[in-house]
Amino acid sequence: MQRHGRGGGTAASAPRIRVAGLVLLTAYLAVVGWLALRPLPVPWVEPTNLQPLATIRSELDTGTLDALYGLARGLARLAALGVLLPLASWRPERTLAAVCARTVGAGALISSAILLLQSGVPGRSVNVDTVLLDSAGVALACLLVFPVVRALLRRGPGDGTRWGGPRWDGSAHGSGAHDVLHLRDETAGGVPPRAARVGIAP
């Protein structure tokens, strides 16, 4: 017999969700790390920026489509962590606020680690606003996308429905025929046959 969790669905589904989240998270971080840490053969490198919001303000002041595209790309770089990190540590009983706080903190640490590693890569420059954009992207994904994913996973097959219809388990359909066969077996094997009553002559 399967044990049902608090969030709908069976208790055995939580380890499967965590394993799938860990696999996807590892693959995603491998791709992001390769893209962020590979050397770039460029003739000019942007200067180092250690002042928070300096690059973001300059991009917003410019107001060009290229500047806005650069900000959007910065928000999207690690945004998938807003979904993959909660899945890798799946706890359906946690509140959304607690999940997002932990996720944004972990995303900021990952972004900071990438930034430190980039300082020694040719063609890369250190920009503290990258961490701010990465953290904001993780927060947006955790607040906007993860609740939908969590609702779908918590619904699961444990509520008696599957693909929008009732789940057949043999208890609703065919119960009448089963009862008839059961009564017939009891009659055939458990009750001895009765002889016909014959009247006695006076």
Foldseek 3Di string as FASTA:
>chain_A
DFDADPLFATPVVLVVLLVVLVVVVVVLVVVLLCVLFAADPDPDADAAAPDACPLVVVLVVVVDPVSVVVLVCLLPSQLCLLASVCSNVPDLVDDLVVSLVVSLVVQLVVQVVSLVSQVPGHRYYHYPNSSVSRSNSSSCCNVPPNVVVSNVVSNYCRVQDDPHHGDDDPPPPPPVVVVVVVVVVCCVPPDDDDDDDDDDDD
